[in-house]
């Protein structure tokens, strides 16, 4: 068996420790930069995806507004063609509302306007619409809180 007799001086140990420190520092900086560049690329991808989704949502919203505008024109046409002049504005209003309100509320309004015995109170219908529009199903406001002058 071959044994090497290696003896190192204090300076040799200092050089080895210094080189080890420099190598460790360089490896840690390289690793940190790799991680950071990967994170930056991922962050940019997420930003691009979010922007794309927001742009799509904006276009969908604009389209829904345009659709409502066109639906209102249809209800106006029907109210002119199928109504007596004194009832045209009433028909236009109820037809416009029936195009975008949920069917339960449209039925409640129709029942109230035709004075059906089991119809909901006007103020309760207003509360149902308010909860829908404001997206607050647990609102503290009650139908009896709404003032009604007669």
N, C-alpha and C. Protein backbone atom coordinates (compact mmCIF):
# COMPACT_ATOMS: atom_id res chain seq x y z
N UNK A 1 0.83 -1.16 0.00
CA UNK A 1 0.00 0.00 0.00
C UNK A 1 0.88 1.24 0.00
N UNK A 2 0.47 2.20 -0.80
CA UNK A 2 1.27 3.40 -0.95
C UNK A 2 0.72 4.49 -0.06
N UNK A 3 1.50 5.00 0.78
CA UNK A 3 1.08 6.09 1.66
C UNK A 3 1.84 7.33 1.27
N UNK A 4 1.10 8.39 1.14
CA UNK A 4 1.72 9.66 0.82
C UNK A 4 1.87 10.47 2.09
N UNK A 5 2.98 11.02 2.22
CA UNK A 5 3.20 11.87 3.39
C UNK A 5 3.01 13.30 2.92
N UNK A 6 1.83 13.83 3.20
CA UNK A 6 1.50 15.19 2.79
C UNK A 6 1.39 16.04 4.04
N UNK A 7 2.13 17.05 4.06
CA UNK A 7 2.03 17.97 5.18
C UNK A 7 1.73 19.34 4.61
N UNK A 8 0.73 19.96 5.18
CA UNK A 8 0.28 21.26 4.69
C UNK A 8 0.60 22.32 5.73
N UNK A 9 0.97 23.43 5.22
CA UNK A 9 1.25 24.54 6.13
C UNK A 9 -0.03 25.32 6.39
N UNK A 10 0.06 26.26 7.27
CA UNK A 10 -1.09 27.11 7.61
C UNK A 10 -1.52 27.90 6.37
N UNK A 11 -0.57 28.34 5.59
CA UNK A 11 -0.89 29.09 4.37
C UNK A 11 -1.64 28.21 3.38
N UNK A 12 -1.23 26.95 3.29
CA UNK A 12 -1.93 26.02 2.39
C UNK A 12 -3.38 25.84 2.82
N UNK A 13 -3.57 25.67 4.13
CA UNK A 13 -4.95 25.56 4.64
C UNK A 13 -5.74 26.83 4.34
N UNK A 14 -5.15 27.97 4.49
CA UNK A 14 -5.83 29.25 4.23
C UNK A 14 -6.22 29.36 2.77
N UNK A 15 -5.35 28.92 1.88
CA UNK A 15 -5.65 28.97 0.44
C UNK A 15 -6.80 28.02 0.11
N UNK A 16 -6.75 26.80 0.66
CA UNK A 16 -7.81 25.81 0.40
C UNK A 16 -9.15 26.33 0.91
N UNK A 17 -9.15 26.90 2.11
CA UNK A 17 -10.40 27.43 2.68
C UNK A 17 -10.90 28.61 1.85
N UNK A 18 -9.99 29.46 1.40
CA UNK A 18 -10.39 30.61 0.57
C UNK A 18 -10.99 30.15 -0.75
N UNK A 19 -10.34 29.18 -1.40
CA UNK A 19 -10.84 28.65 -2.67
C UNK A 19 -12.21 28.00 -2.45
N UNK A 20 -12.33 27.26 -1.38
CA UNK A 20 -13.61 26.62 -1.05
C UNK A 20 -14.70 27.68 -0.86
N UNK A 21 -14.38 28.76 -0.18
CA UNK A 21 -15.33 29.84 0.04
C UNK A 21 -15.75 30.50 -1.25
N UNK A 22 -14.77 30.75 -2.14
CA UNK A 22 -15.07 31.38 -3.43
C UNK A 22 -15.95 30.46 -4.27
N UNK A 23 -15.62 29.18 -4.31
CA UNK A 23 -16.43 28.21 -5.07
C UNK A 23 -17.86 28.15 -4.51
N UNK A 24 -17.97 28.10 -3.20
CA UNK A 24 -19.30 28.06 -2.57
C UNK A 24 -20.09 29.31 -2.91
N UNK A 25 -19.43 30.48 -2.84
CA UNK A 25 -20.10 31.74 -3.17
C UNK A 25 -20.57 31.75 -4.62
N UNK A 26 -19.68 31.33 -5.53
CA UNK A 26 -20.05 31.33 -6.96
C UNK A 26 -21.21 30.38 -7.24
N UNK A 27 -21.17 29.21 -6.63
CA UNK A 27 -22.28 28.25 -6.82
C UNK A 27 -23.59 28.81 -6.28
N UNK A 28 -23.53 29.46 -5.11
CA UNK A 28 -24.77 30.01 -4.53
C UNK A 28 -25.31 31.16 -5.38
N UNK A 29 -24.43 32.01 -5.92
CA UNK A 29 -24.86 33.12 -6.80
C UNK A 29 -25.46 32.57 -8.09
N UNK A 30 -24.81 31.56 -8.67
CA UNK A 30 -25.32 30.96 -9.90
C UNK A 30 -26.71 30.35 -9.66
N UNK A 31 -26.86 29.62 -8.54
CA UNK A 31 -28.15 29.00 -8.20
C UNK A 31 -29.23 30.08 -7.98
N UNK A 32 -28.86 31.11 -7.24
CA UNK A 32 -29.81 32.19 -6.97
C UNK A 32 -30.27 32.85 -8.27
N UNK A 33 -29.35 33.11 -9.19
CA UNK A 33 -29.70 33.72 -10.47
C UNK A 33 -30.58 32.81 -11.32
N UNK A 34 -30.28 31.52 -11.30
CA UNK A 34 -31.11 30.56 -12.04
C UNK A 34 -32.54 30.55 -11.50
N UNK A 35 -32.67 30.50 -10.18
CA UNK A 35 -33.99 30.49 -9.55
C UNK A 35 -34.73 31.78 -9.86
N UNK A 36 -34.03 32.92 -9.74
CA UNK A 36 -34.65 34.23 -9.98
C UNK A 36 -35.11 34.35 -11.43
N UNK A 37 -34.28 33.93 -12.38
CA UNK A 37 -34.68 34.05 -13.78
C UNK A 37 -35.87 33.14 -14.08
N UNK A 38 -35.89 31.96 -13.49
CA UNK A 38 -37.04 31.07 -13.66
C UNK A 38 -38.29 31.67 -13.05
N UNK A 39 -38.15 32.29 -11.89
CA UNK A 39 -39.29 32.93 -11.22
C UNK A 39 -39.80 34.10 -12.05
N UNK A 40 -38.87 34.92 -12.59
CA UNK A 40 -39.27 36.07 -13.40
C UNK A 40 -40.04 35.62 -14.64
N UNK A 41 -39.58 34.55 -15.28
CA UNK A 41 -40.28 34.03 -16.46
C UNK A 41 -41.68 33.54 -16.08
N UNK A 42 -41.77 32.84 -14.96
CA UNK A 42 -43.06 32.33 -14.50
C UNK A 42 -43.99 33.49 -14.16
N UNK A 43 -43.48 34.50 -13.50
CA UNK A 43 -44.28 35.68 -13.14
C UNK A 43 -44.79 36.38 -14.39
N UNK A 44 -43.95 36.52 -15.38
CA UNK A 44 -44.38 37.16 -16.64
C UNK A 44 -45.45 36.32 -17.32
N UNK A 45 -45.32 35.00 -17.28
CA UNK A 45 -46.35 34.13 -17.86
C UNK A 45 -47.69 34.32 -17.15
N UNK A 46 -47.65 34.37 -15.81
CA UNK A 46 -48.88 34.58 -15.04
C UNK A 46 -49.51 35.93 -15.37
N UNK A 47 -48.67 36.97 -15.47
CA UNK A 47 -49.18 38.29 -15.81
C UNK A 47 -49.86 38.28 -17.17
N UNK A 48 -49.24 37.62 -18.12
CA UNK A 48 -49.80 37.54 -19.48
C UNK A 48 -51.13 36.79 -19.47
N UNK A 49 -51.21 35.69 -18.71
CA UNK A 49 -52.44 34.92 -18.63
C UNK A 49 -53.56 35.73 -17.97
N UNK A 50 -53.22 36.45 -16.90
CA UNK A 50 -54.22 37.26 -16.20
C UNK A 50 -54.71 38.38 -17.11
N UNK A 51 -53.79 39.05 -17.81
CA UNK A 51 -54.19 40.13 -18.73
C UNK A 51 -55.11 39.58 -19.82
N UNK A 52 -54.76 38.42 -20.36
CA UNK A 52 -55.57 37.81 -21.41
C UNK A 52 -56.98 37.51 -20.88
N UNK A 53 -57.07 36.97 -19.67
CA UNK A 53 -58.37 36.65 -19.06
C UNK A 53 -59.18 37.92 -18.80
N UNK A 54 -58.52 38.96 -18.29
CA UNK A 54 -59.22 40.22 -18.03
C UNK A 54 -59.71 40.86 -19.33
N UNK A 55 -58.89 40.81 -20.36
CA UNK A 55 -59.31 41.35 -21.66
C UNK A 55 -60.52 40.59 -22.21
N UNK A 56 -60.51 39.27 -22.04
CA UNK A 56 -61.65 38.45 -22.50
C UNK A 56 -62.91 38.80 -21.70
N UNK A 57 -62.76 38.96 -20.38
CA UNK A 57 -63.91 39.32 -19.55
C UNK A 57 -64.46 40.68 -19.93
N UNK A 58 -63.58 41.63 -20.25
CA UNK A 58 -64.03 42.95 -20.66
C UNK A 58 -64.81 42.87 -21.98
N UNK A 59 -64.30 42.10 -22.92
CA UNK A 59 -65.01 41.94 -24.20
C UNK A 59 -66.36 41.27 -23.99
N UNK A 60 -66.42 40.26 -23.14
CA UNK A 60 -67.70 39.60 -22.84
C UNK A 60 -68.68 40.58 -22.22
N UNK A 61 -68.20 41.42 -21.32
CA UNK A 61 -69.06 42.42 -20.67
C UNK A 61 -69.58 43.43 -21.70
N UNK A 62 -68.69 43.91 -22.58
CA UNK A 62 -69.11 44.84 -23.62
C UNK A 62 -70.16 44.20 -24.52
N UNK A 63 -69.97 42.92 -24.83
CA UNK A 63 -70.94 42.22 -25.68
C UNK A 63 -72.28 42.10 -24.97
N UNK A 64 -72.26 41.81 -23.66
CA UNK A 64 -73.53 41.68 -22.93
C UNK A 64 -74.26 43.02 -22.89
N UNK A 65 -73.52 44.13 -22.77
CA UNK A 65 -74.16 45.45 -22.80
C UNK A 65 -74.79 45.71 -24.17
N UNK A 66 -74.08 45.37 -25.22
CA UNK A 66 -74.60 45.55 -26.58
C UNK A 66 -75.83 44.69 -26.79
N UNK A 67 -75.81 43.47 -26.26
CA UNK A 67 -76.96 42.58 -26.39
C UNK A 67 -78.18 43.16 -25.70
N UNK A 68 -77.99 43.72 -24.51
CA UNK A 68 -79.12 44.35 -23.80
C UNK A 68 -79.67 45.53 -24.58
N UNK A 69 -78.78 46.33 -25.15
CA UNK A 69 -79.23 47.47 -25.95
C UNK A 69 -80.11 47.01 -27.11
N UNK A 70 -79.69 45.94 -27.77
CA UNK A 70 -80.46 45.43 -28.90
C UNK A 70 -81.79 44.84 -28.43
N UNK A 71 -81.79 44.19 -27.29
CA UNK A 71 -83.02 43.62 -26.75
C UNK A 71 -84.02 44.72 -26.41
N UNK A 72 -83.52 45.85 -25.91
CA UNK A 72 -84.41 46.97 -25.60
C UNK A 72 -85.07 47.49 -26.87
N UNK A 73 -84.34 47.51 -27.97
CA UNK A 73 -84.93 47.95 -29.24
C UNK A 73 -86.08 47.03 -29.65
N UNK A 74 -85.91 45.73 -29.43
CA UNK A 74 -86.97 44.78 -29.78
C UNK A 74 -88.21 45.04 -28.93
N UNK A 75 -88.03 45.26 -27.64
CA UNK A 75 -89.19 45.51 -26.79
C UNK A 75 -89.88 46.82 -27.18
N UNK A 76 -89.10 47.81 -27.61
CA UNK A 76 -89.69 49.07 -28.06
C UNK A 76 -90.52 48.84 -29.33
N UNK A 77 -89.98 48.06 -30.25
CA UNK A 77 -90.71 47.73 -31.47
C UNK A 77 -92.04 47.05 -31.14
N UNK A 78 -92.00 46.02 -30.30
CA UNK A 78 -93.22 45.32 -29.92
C UNK A 78 -94.23 46.25 -29.26
N UNK A 79 -93.76 47.15 -28.40
CA UNK A 79 -94.68 48.03 -27.69
C UNK A 79 -95.39 48.98 -28.66
N UNK A 80 -94.70 49.38 -29.71
CA UNK A 80 -95.33 50.27 -30.69
C UNK A 80 -96.33 49.50 -31.54
N UNK A 81 -95.94 48.32 -31.99
CA UNK A 81 -96.78 47.55 -32.91
C UNK A 81 -98.01 46.97 -32.22
N UNK A 82 -97.86 46.44 -30.99
CA UNK A 82 -98.93 45.68 -30.36
C UNK A 82 -99.70 46.42 -29.28
N UNK A 83 -99.50 47.70 -29.09
CA UNK A 83 -100.14 48.39 -27.98
C UNK A 83 -100.91 49.62 -28.45
N UNK A 84 -101.91 49.93 -27.65
CA UNK A 84 -102.58 51.20 -27.84
C UNK A 84 -101.62 52.28 -27.35
N UNK A 85 -101.71 53.49 -27.91
CA UNK A 85 -100.73 54.52 -27.56
C UNK A 85 -100.58 54.75 -26.05
N UNK A 86 -101.66 54.70 -25.28
CA UNK A 86 -101.57 54.98 -23.84
C UNK A 86 -100.91 53.83 -23.07
N UNK A 87 -100.87 52.65 -23.64
CA UNK A 87 -100.26 51.49 -22.97
C UNK A 87 -98.86 51.15 -23.50
N UNK A 88 -98.44 51.82 -24.54
CA UNK A 88 -97.17 51.48 -25.19
C UNK A 88 -95.99 51.60 -24.23
N UNK A 89 -95.93 52.68 -23.46
CA UNK A 89 -94.78 52.85 -22.56
C UNK A 89 -94.79 51.81 -21.44
N UNK A 90 -95.97 51.43 -20.96
CA UNK A 90 -96.04 50.38 -19.94
C UNK A 90 -95.57 49.04 -20.49
N UNK A 91 -96.06 48.71 -21.68
CA UNK A 91 -95.63 47.44 -22.30
C UNK A 91 -94.13 47.45 -22.58
N UNK A 92 -93.61 48.58 -23.05
CA UNK A 92 -92.18 48.68 -23.33
C UNK A 92 -91.38 48.41 -22.06
N UNK A 93 -91.78 49.00 -20.95
CA UNK A 93 -91.07 48.81 -19.68
C UNK A 93 -91.09 47.35 -19.23
N UNK A 94 -92.28 46.75 -19.22
CA UNK A 94 -92.36 45.36 -18.72
C UNK A 94 -91.63 44.41 -19.65
N UNK A 95 -91.68 44.67 -20.95
CA UNK A 95 -90.98 43.79 -21.88
C UNK A 95 -89.46 43.95 -21.75
N UNK A 96 -88.98 45.18 -21.55
CA UNK A 96 -87.55 45.38 -21.34
C UNK A 96 -87.08 44.63 -20.09
N UNK A 97 -87.85 44.77 -19.02
CA UNK A 97 -87.48 44.10 -17.77
C UNK A 97 -87.51 42.58 -17.92
N UNK A 98 -88.46 42.08 -18.68
CA UNK A 98 -88.57 40.62 -18.83
C UNK A 98 -87.39 40.03 -19.60
N UNK A 99 -86.66 40.87 -20.31
CA UNK A 99 -85.52 40.37 -21.08
C UNK A 99 -84.30 40.07 -20.22
N UNK A 100 -84.16 40.73 -19.09
CA UNK A 100 -82.94 40.50 -18.30
C UNK A 100 -83.18 40.13 -16.85
N UNK A 101 -84.38 40.33 -16.33
CA UNK A 101 -84.64 39.91 -14.95
C UNK A 101 -84.85 38.40 -14.88
N UNK A 102 -84.53 37.77 -13.77
CA UNK A 102 -84.79 36.34 -13.63
C UNK A 102 -86.29 36.05 -13.72
N UNK A 103 -86.61 34.86 -14.19
CA UNK A 103 -88.02 34.54 -14.45
C UNK A 103 -88.90 34.64 -13.21
N UNK A 104 -88.35 34.31 -12.04
CA UNK A 104 -89.18 34.38 -10.81
C UNK A 104 -89.64 35.82 -10.56
N UNK A 105 -88.73 36.77 -10.79
CA UNK A 105 -89.06 38.17 -10.55
C UNK A 105 -90.03 38.66 -11.62
N UNK A 106 -89.85 38.25 -12.86
CA UNK A 106 -90.78 38.63 -13.93
C UNK A 106 -92.18 38.12 -13.61
N UNK A 107 -92.26 36.90 -13.12
CA UNK A 107 -93.58 36.33 -12.75
C UNK A 107 -94.18 37.12 -11.59
N UNK A 108 -93.36 37.47 -10.59
CA UNK A 108 -93.86 38.26 -9.46
C UNK A 108 -94.38 39.62 -9.92
N UNK A 109 -93.65 40.26 -10.82
CA UNK A 109 -94.09 41.56 -11.34
C UNK A 109 -95.40 41.40 -12.11
N UNK A 110 -95.46 40.39 -12.97
CA UNK A 110 -96.67 40.16 -13.77
C UNK A 110 -97.86 39.88 -12.86
N UNK A 111 -97.66 39.06 -11.84
CA UNK A 111 -98.75 38.76 -10.90
C UNK A 111 -99.21 40.02 -10.18
N UNK A 112 -98.27 40.86 -9.78
CA UNK A 112 -98.62 42.10 -9.08
C UNK A 112 -99.38 43.05 -10.00
N UNK A 113 -98.91 43.19 -11.24
CA UNK A 113 -99.55 44.12 -12.18
C UNK A 113 -100.93 43.64 -12.63
N UNK A 114 -101.15 42.34 -12.62
CA UNK A 114 -102.48 41.82 -12.98
C UNK A 114 -103.35 41.61 -11.75
N UNK A 115 -102.83 42.03 -10.59
CA UNK A 115 -103.55 42.01 -9.31
C UNK A 115 -104.04 40.62 -8.92
N UNK A 116 -103.20 39.62 -9.12
CA UNK A 116 -103.55 38.27 -8.69
C UNK A 116 -103.56 38.23 -7.17
N UNK A 117 -104.48 37.49 -6.58
CA UNK A 117 -104.62 37.49 -5.11
C UNK A 117 -103.37 37.01 -4.37
N UNK A 118 -102.63 36.09 -4.91
CA UNK A 118 -101.47 35.55 -4.20
C UNK A 118 -100.16 36.24 -4.60
N UNK A 119 -100.27 37.44 -5.19
CA UNK A 119 -99.06 38.13 -5.67
C UNK A 119 -98.26 38.71 -4.51
N UNK A 120 -96.95 38.83 -4.75
CA UNK A 120 -96.06 39.41 -3.75
C UNK A 120 -96.33 40.91 -3.64
N UNK A 121 -96.03 41.45 -2.47
CA UNK A 121 -96.14 42.88 -2.24
C UNK A 121 -95.11 43.62 -3.11
N UNK A 122 -95.46 44.80 -3.58
CA UNK A 122 -94.59 45.60 -4.43
C UNK A 122 -93.24 45.82 -3.77
N UNK A 123 -93.24 46.16 -2.50
CA UNK A 123 -91.99 46.43 -1.80
C UNK A 123 -91.12 45.17 -1.70
N UNK A 124 -91.76 44.02 -1.55
CA UNK A 124 -90.99 42.78 -1.49
C UNK A 124 -90.34 42.48 -2.84
N UNK A 125 -91.07 42.78 -3.91
CA UNK A 125 -90.49 42.60 -5.25
C UNK A 125 -89.29 43.53 -5.42
N UNK A 126 -89.42 44.78 -4.96
CA UNK A 126 -88.30 45.72 -5.01
C UNK A 126 -87.11 45.19 -4.22
N UNK A 127 -87.37 44.60 -3.08
CA UNK A 127 -86.29 44.05 -2.26
C UNK A 127 -85.60 42.89 -2.99
N UNK A 128 -86.39 42.04 -3.64
CA UNK A 128 -85.81 40.92 -4.40
C UNK A 128 -84.90 41.43 -5.52
N UNK A 129 -85.34 42.47 -6.21
CA UNK A 129 -84.54 43.05 -7.30
C UNK A 129 -83.29 43.70 -6.73
N UNK A 130 -83.43 44.40 -5.62
CA UNK A 130 -82.28 45.06 -4.97
C UNK A 130 -81.22 44.03 -4.58
N UNK A 131 -81.65 42.93 -3.98
CA UNK A 131 -80.71 41.87 -3.59
C UNK A 131 -79.99 41.29 -4.81
N UNK A 132 -80.74 41.15 -5.90
CA UNK A 132 -80.17 40.62 -7.14
C UNK A 132 -79.14 41.59 -7.72
N UNK A 133 -79.50 42.86 -7.85
CA UNK A 133 -78.62 43.84 -8.48
C UNK A 133 -77.37 44.11 -7.65
N UNK A 134 -77.53 44.18 -6.35
CA UNK A 134 -76.39 44.48 -5.48
C UNK A 134 -75.64 43.23 -5.04
N UNK A 135 -76.18 42.06 -5.40
CA UNK A 135 -75.58 40.77 -5.02
C UNK A 135 -75.40 40.70 -3.51
N UNK A 136 -76.46 41.08 -2.80
CA UNK A 136 -76.45 41.03 -1.33
C UNK A 136 -77.69 40.26 -0.85
N UNK A 137 -77.63 38.94 -0.89
CA UNK A 137 -78.80 38.16 -0.47
C UNK A 137 -79.13 38.30 1.01
N UNK A 138 -78.16 38.72 1.83
CA UNK A 138 -78.39 38.85 3.27
C UNK A 138 -78.50 40.30 3.71
N UNK A 139 -79.07 41.13 2.85
CA UNK A 139 -79.21 42.56 3.16
C UNK A 139 -80.07 42.75 4.41
N UNK A 140 -79.72 43.75 5.21
CA UNK A 140 -80.47 44.05 6.44
C UNK A 140 -81.73 44.86 6.16
N UNK A 141 -81.80 45.50 4.99
CA UNK A 141 -82.96 46.30 4.62
C UNK A 141 -84.17 45.39 4.41
N UNK A 142 -85.32 45.80 4.95
CA UNK A 142 -86.56 45.00 4.82
C UNK A 142 -87.55 45.78 3.97
N UNK A 143 -88.53 45.06 3.45
CA UNK A 143 -89.55 45.69 2.60
C UNK A 143 -90.26 46.82 3.34
N UNK A 144 -90.52 46.63 4.62
CA UNK A 144 -91.23 47.67 5.40
C UNK A 144 -90.38 48.92 5.64
N UNK A 145 -89.07 48.84 5.37
CA UNK A 145 -88.19 50.01 5.51
C UNK A 145 -88.31 50.98 4.34
N UNK A 146 -88.92 50.52 3.25
CA UNK A 146 -89.07 51.36 2.05
C UNK A 146 -90.31 52.23 2.22
N UNK A 147 -90.13 53.54 2.04
CA UNK A 147 -91.24 54.49 2.18
C UNK A 147 -92.09 54.46 0.91
N UNK A 148 -93.40 54.55 1.09
CA UNK A 148 -94.33 54.52 -0.03
C UNK A 148 -95.38 55.59 0.19
N UNK A 149 -95.35 56.64 -0.61
CA UNK A 149 -96.34 57.71 -0.49
C UNK A 149 -97.56 57.36 -1.33
N UNK A 150 -98.73 57.55 -0.77
CA UNK A 150 -99.97 57.26 -1.52
C UNK A 150 -100.79 58.49 -1.73
